[in-house]
Amino acid sequence: MSGHYLEDDGEKKVVIVMTSGPSTPHRCATPFYLGSLLSSMDAEVKIFCTMEAVKLMHRGVPDQLSAMTGGKRIIEFIRDAKNAGVELCVCRPALPGYEIEEVELIDEVDQVASAGDLADLILSVDRLLFF
């Protein structure tokens, strides 16, 4: 066994639906780390931030959070994912509930999308992960 679990039958599409946010920082690095890893294995990866995860996309917030004491900041995991080719989406309907304006989002965000866009993504991917 080669250690790679994805069959080499073309590009896989993966959506990671992220709901964890600043209240659970220990859960916030893994989705970006896993997204980076999957992207490096030639998967097309999108991380869709909804619920409290939209707070992670608020400018300044991920710079202040680490999953572990003394660990890498969440913004570094986000940037690693972006550098690996991961696309970051933010749920538009969740923003007003957290009093966040689109212009206040970090530069790494690729798209502000609707719940309908998430539904379309879910129906179009090979793998769906929730965090």
C-alpha atoms as a PDB file:
ATOM      1  CA  MET A   1       0.000   0.000   0.000  1.00  0.00           C
ATOM      2  CA  SER A   2       1.443   3.368  -1.029  1.00  0.00           C
ATOM      3  CA  GLY A   3      -0.002   5.440   1.818  1.00  0.00           C
ATOM      4  CA  HIS A   4      -2.269   7.384  -0.537  1.00  0.00           C
ATOM      5  CA  TYR A   5      -5.926   6.502  -0.164  1.00  0.00           C
ATOM      6  CA  LEU A   6      -7.288   8.405  -3.173  1.00  0.00           C
ATOM      7  CA  GLU A   7      -7.422   6.296  -6.308  1.00  0.00           C
ATOM      8  CA  ASP A   8      -5.632   7.865  -9.260  1.00  0.00           C
ATOM      9  CA  ASP A   9      -8.726   7.986 -11.465  1.00  0.00           C
ATOM     10  CA  GLY A  10      -8.853  11.737 -11.967  1.00  0.00           C
ATOM     11  CA  GLU A  11      -9.213  14.744  -9.769  1.00  0.00           C
ATOM     12  CA  LYS A  12     -11.398  14.409  -6.690  1.00  0.00           C
ATOM     13  CA  LYS A  13     -13.610  17.244  -5.474  1.00  0.00           C
ATOM     14  CA  VAL A  14     -13.859  17.782  -1.738  1.00  0.00           C
ATOM     15  CA  VAL A  15     -15.891  20.295   0.254  1.00  0.00           C
ATOM     16  CA  ILE A  16     -15.073  20.900   3.884  1.00  0.00           C
ATOM     17  CA  VAL A  17     -17.980  22.560   5.688  1.00  0.00           C
ATOM     18  CA  MET A  18     -16.498  24.391   8.630  1.00  0.00           C
ATOM     19  CA  THR A  19     -18.667  25.542  11.527  1.00  0.00           C
ATOM     20  CA  SER A  20     -16.018  25.781  14.274  1.00  0.00           C
ATOM     21  CA  GLY A  21     -14.857  29.237  15.230  1.00  0.00           C
ATOM     22  CA  PRO A  22     -13.088  31.296  17.881  1.00  0.00           C
ATOM     23  CA  SER A  23     -15.001  29.717  20.785  1.00  0.00           C
ATOM     24  CA  THR A  24     -13.352  26.363  19.915  1.00  0.00           C
ATOM     25  CA  PRO A  25      -9.868  27.308  18.658  1.00  0.00           C
ATOM     26  CA  HIS A  26      -8.593  23.745  19.171  1.00  0.00           C
ATOM     27  CA  ARG A  27     -10.879  22.719  16.263  1.00  0.00           C
ATOM     28  CA  CYS A  28      -9.858  25.499  13.862  1.00  0.00           C
ATOM     29  CA  ALA A  29      -6.518  24.375  12.425  1.00  0.00           C
ATOM     30  CA  THR A  30      -7.415  20.858  11.261  1.00  0.00           C
ATOM     31  CA  PRO A  31      -9.807  21.789   8.414  1.00  0.00           C
ATOM     32  CA  PHE A  32      -7.180  24.045   6.832  1.00  0.00           C
ATOM     33  CA  TYR A  33      -4.377  21.527   7.416  1.00  0.00           C
ATOM     34  CA  LEU A  34      -6.452  18.699   5.938  1.00  0.00           C
ATOM     35  CA  GLY A  35      -7.491  20.940   3.041  1.00  0.00           C
ATOM     36  CA  SER A  36      -3.829  21.653   2.305  1.00  0.00           C
ATOM     37  CA  LEU A  37      -2.990  17.966   2.429  1.00  0.00           C
ATOM     38  CA  LEU A  38      -5.871  16.958   0.150  1.00  0.00           C
ATOM     39  CA  SER A  39      -5.036  19.713  -2.305  1.00  0.00           C
ATOM     40  CA  SER A  40      -1.430  18.520  -2.439  1.00  0.00           C
ATOM     41  CA  MET A  41      -2.837  15.086  -3.345  1.00  0.00           C
ATOM     42  CA  ASP A  42      -4.447  16.677  -6.429  1.00  0.00           C
ATOM     43  CA  ALA A  43      -7.942  17.075  -4.986  1.00  0.00           C
ATOM     44  CA  GLU A  44      -9.944  20.202  -5.749  1.00  0.00           C
ATOM     45  CA  VAL A  45     -10.752  21.492  -2.258  1.00  0.00           C
ATOM     46  CA  LYS A  46     -13.189  24.150  -1.087  1.00  0.00           C
ATOM     47  CA  ILE A  47     -13.653  25.129   2.532  1.00  0.00           C
ATOM     48  CA  PHE A  48     -17.081  26.633   3.129  1.00  0.00           C
ATOM     49  CA  CYS A  49     -17.207  28.623   6.375  1.00  0.00           C
ATOM     50  CA  THR A  50     -20.623  28.967   7.949  1.00  0.00           C
ATOM     51  CA  MET A  51     -22.070  29.498  11.421  1.00  0.00           C
ATOM     52  CA  GLU A  52     -19.307  30.558  13.849  1.00  0.00           C
ATOM     53  CA  ALA A  53     -16.568  29.777  11.316  1.00  0.00           C
ATOM     54  CA  VAL A  54     -17.361  33.046   9.517  1.00  0.00           C
ATOM     55  CA  LYS A  55     -15.780  34.809  12.510  1.00  0.00           C
ATOM     56  CA  LEU A  56     -12.435  33.222  11.530  1.00  0.00           C
ATOM     57  CA  MET A  57     -12.631  35.100   8.259  1.00  0.00           C
ATOM     58  CA  HIS A  58     -13.048  38.457  10.032  1.00  0.00           C
ATOM     59  CA  ARG A  59      -9.898  40.535   9.607  1.00  0.00           C
ATOM     60  CA  GLY A  60      -7.689  40.285  12.722  1.00  0.00           C
ATOM     61  CA  VAL A  61      -9.428  37.302  14.328  1.00  0.00           C
ATOM     62  CA  PRO A  62      -7.351  34.393  12.938  1.00  0.00           C
ATOM     63  CA  ASP A  63      -4.155  36.341  13.699  1.00  0.00           C
ATOM     64  CA  GLN A  64      -4.967  36.100  17.409  1.00  0.00           C
ATOM     65  CA  LEU A  65      -5.918  32.403  17.596  1.00  0.00           C
ATOM     66  CA  SER A  66      -3.929  29.195  17.914  1.00  0.00           C
ATOM     67  CA  ALA A  67      -5.247  25.640  18.123  1.00  0.00           C
ATOM     68  CA  MET A  68      -2.700  24.913  20.860  1.00  0.00           C
ATOM     69  CA  THR A  69      -0.873  27.078  23.341  1.00  0.00           C
ATOM     70  CA  GLY A  70       2.291  28.306  21.647  1.00  0.00           C
ATOM     71  CA  GLY A  71       1.248  26.789  18.317  1.00  0.00           C
ATOM     72  CA  LYS A  72       0.971  28.262  14.860  1.00  0.00           C
ATOM     73  CA  ARG A  73      -1.648  30.971  14.444  1.00  0.00           C
ATOM     74  CA  ILE A  74      -4.824  30.018  12.573  1.00  0.00           C
ATOM     75  CA  ILE A  75      -4.056  32.655   9.917  1.00  0.00           C
ATOM     76  CA  GLU A  76      -0.919  30.650   9.052  1.00  0.00           C
ATOM     77  CA  PHE A  77      -2.986  27.500   8.515  1.00  0.00           C
ATOM     78  CA  ILE A  78      -5.379  29.522   6.351  1.00  0.00           C
ATOM     79  CA  ARG A  79      -2.487  30.872   4.265  1.00  0.00           C
ATOM     80  CA  ASP A  80      -0.950  27.409   3.936  1.00  0.00           C
ATOM     81  CA  ALA A  81      -4.287  26.135   2.606  1.00  0.00           C
ATOM     82  CA  LYS A  82      -4.518  29.019   0.131  1.00  0.00           C
ATOM     83  CA  ASN A  83      -0.945  28.397  -1.037  1.00  0.00           C
ATOM     84  CA  ALA A  84      -1.836  24.747  -1.609  1.00  0.00           C
ATOM     85  CA  GLY A  85      -4.746  25.767  -3.846  1.00  0.00           C
ATOM     86  CA  VAL A  86      -7.702  25.545  -1.456  1.00  0.00           C
ATOM     87  CA  GLU A  87     -10.617  27.877  -2.225  1.00  0.00           C
ATOM     88  CA  LEU A  88     -12.230  29.644   0.752  1.00  0.00           C
ATOM     89  CA  CYS A  89     -15.928  30.450   0.724  1.00  0.00           C
ATOM     90  CA  VAL A  90     -17.903  32.355   3.368  1.00  0.00           C
ATOM     91  CA  CYS A  91     -21.630  32.003   3.942  1.00  0.00           C
ATOM     92  CA  ARG A  92     -23.269  35.357   3.211  1.00  0.00           C
ATOM     93  CA  PRO A  93     -26.395  34.683   5.330  1.00  0.00           C
ATOM     94  CA  ALA A  94     -24.226  34.071   8.431  1.00  0.00           C
ATOM     95  CA  LEU A  95     -22.388  37.418   8.254  1.00  0.00           C
ATOM     96  CA  PRO A  96     -25.116  39.733   9.617  1.00  0.00           C
ATOM     97  CA  GLY A  97     -25.651  37.506  12.661  1.00  0.00           C
ATOM     98  CA  TYR A  98     -22.035  38.112  13.659  1.00  0.00           C
ATOM     99  CA  GLU A  99     -22.163  41.778  12.642  1.00  0.00           C
ATOM    100  CA  ILE A 100     -19.501  41.283   9.952  1.00  0.00           C
ATOM    101  CA  GLU A 101     -19.485  43.228   6.683  1.00  0.00           C
ATOM    102  CA  GLU A 102     -18.024  41.664   3.526  1.00  0.00           C
ATOM    103  CA  VAL A 103     -15.364  44.408   3.381  1.00  0.00           C
ATOM    104  CA  GLU A 104     -14.095  43.249   6.797  1.00  0.00           C
ATOM    105  CA  LEU A 105     -13.161  39.758   5.584  1.00  0.00           C
ATOM    106  CA  ILE A 106      -9.550  38.637   5.274  1.00  0.00           C
ATOM    107  CA  ASP A 107      -7.955  38.850   1.832  1.00  0.00           C
ATOM    108  CA  GLU A 108      -7.700  35.057   1.620  1.00  0.00           C
ATOM    109  CA  VAL A 109     -11.483  34.696   1.115  1.00  0.00           C
ATOM    110  CA  ASP A 110     -12.271  33.772  -2.498  1.00  0.00           C
ATOM    111  CA  GLN A 111     -16.044  33.973  -2.450  1.00  0.00           C
ATOM    112  CA  VAL A 112     -18.967  35.093  -0.333  1.00  0.00           C
ATOM    113  CA  ALA A 113     -21.730  32.663  -1.205  1.00  0.00           C
ATOM    114  CA  SER A 114     -25.313  31.775  -0.427  1.00  0.00           C
ATOM    115  CA  ALA A 115     -26.713  28.688   1.240  1.00  0.00           C
ATOM    116  CA  GLY A 116     -27.928  27.669  -2.226  1.00  0.00           C
ATOM    117  CA  ASP A 117     -24.319  27.738  -3.437  1.00  0.00           C
ATOM    118  CA  LEU A 118     -23.397  25.399  -0.576  1.00  0.00           C
ATOM    119  CA  ALA A 119     -26.236  23.051  -1.539  1.00  0.00           C
ATOM    120  CA  ASP A 120     -24.971  23.000  -5.138  1.00  0.00           C
ATOM    121  CA  LEU A 121     -21.443  22.259  -3.903  1.00  0.00           C
ATOM    122  CA  ILE A 122     -22.648  19.405  -1.723  1.00  0.00           C
ATOM    123  CA  LEU A 123     -24.397  17.794  -4.680  1.00  0.00           C
ATOM    124  CA  SER A 124     -21.380  18.159  -6.961  1.00  0.00           C
ATOM    125  CA  VAL A 125     -18.519  16.766  -4.875  1.00  0.00           C
ATOM    126  CA  ASP A 126     -16.984  13.363  -4.309  1.00  0.00           C
ATOM    127  CA  ARG A 127     -16.368  13.884  -0.583  1.00  0.00           C
ATOM    128  CA  LEU A 128     -17.991  16.085   2.044  1.00  0.00           C
ATOM    129  CA  LEU A 129     -16.389  16.685   5.446  1.00  0.00           C
ATOM    130  CA  PHE A 130     -17.790  18.609   8.422  1.00  0.00           C
ATOM    131  CA  PHE A 131     -15.766  20.334  11.130  1.00  0.00           C
END
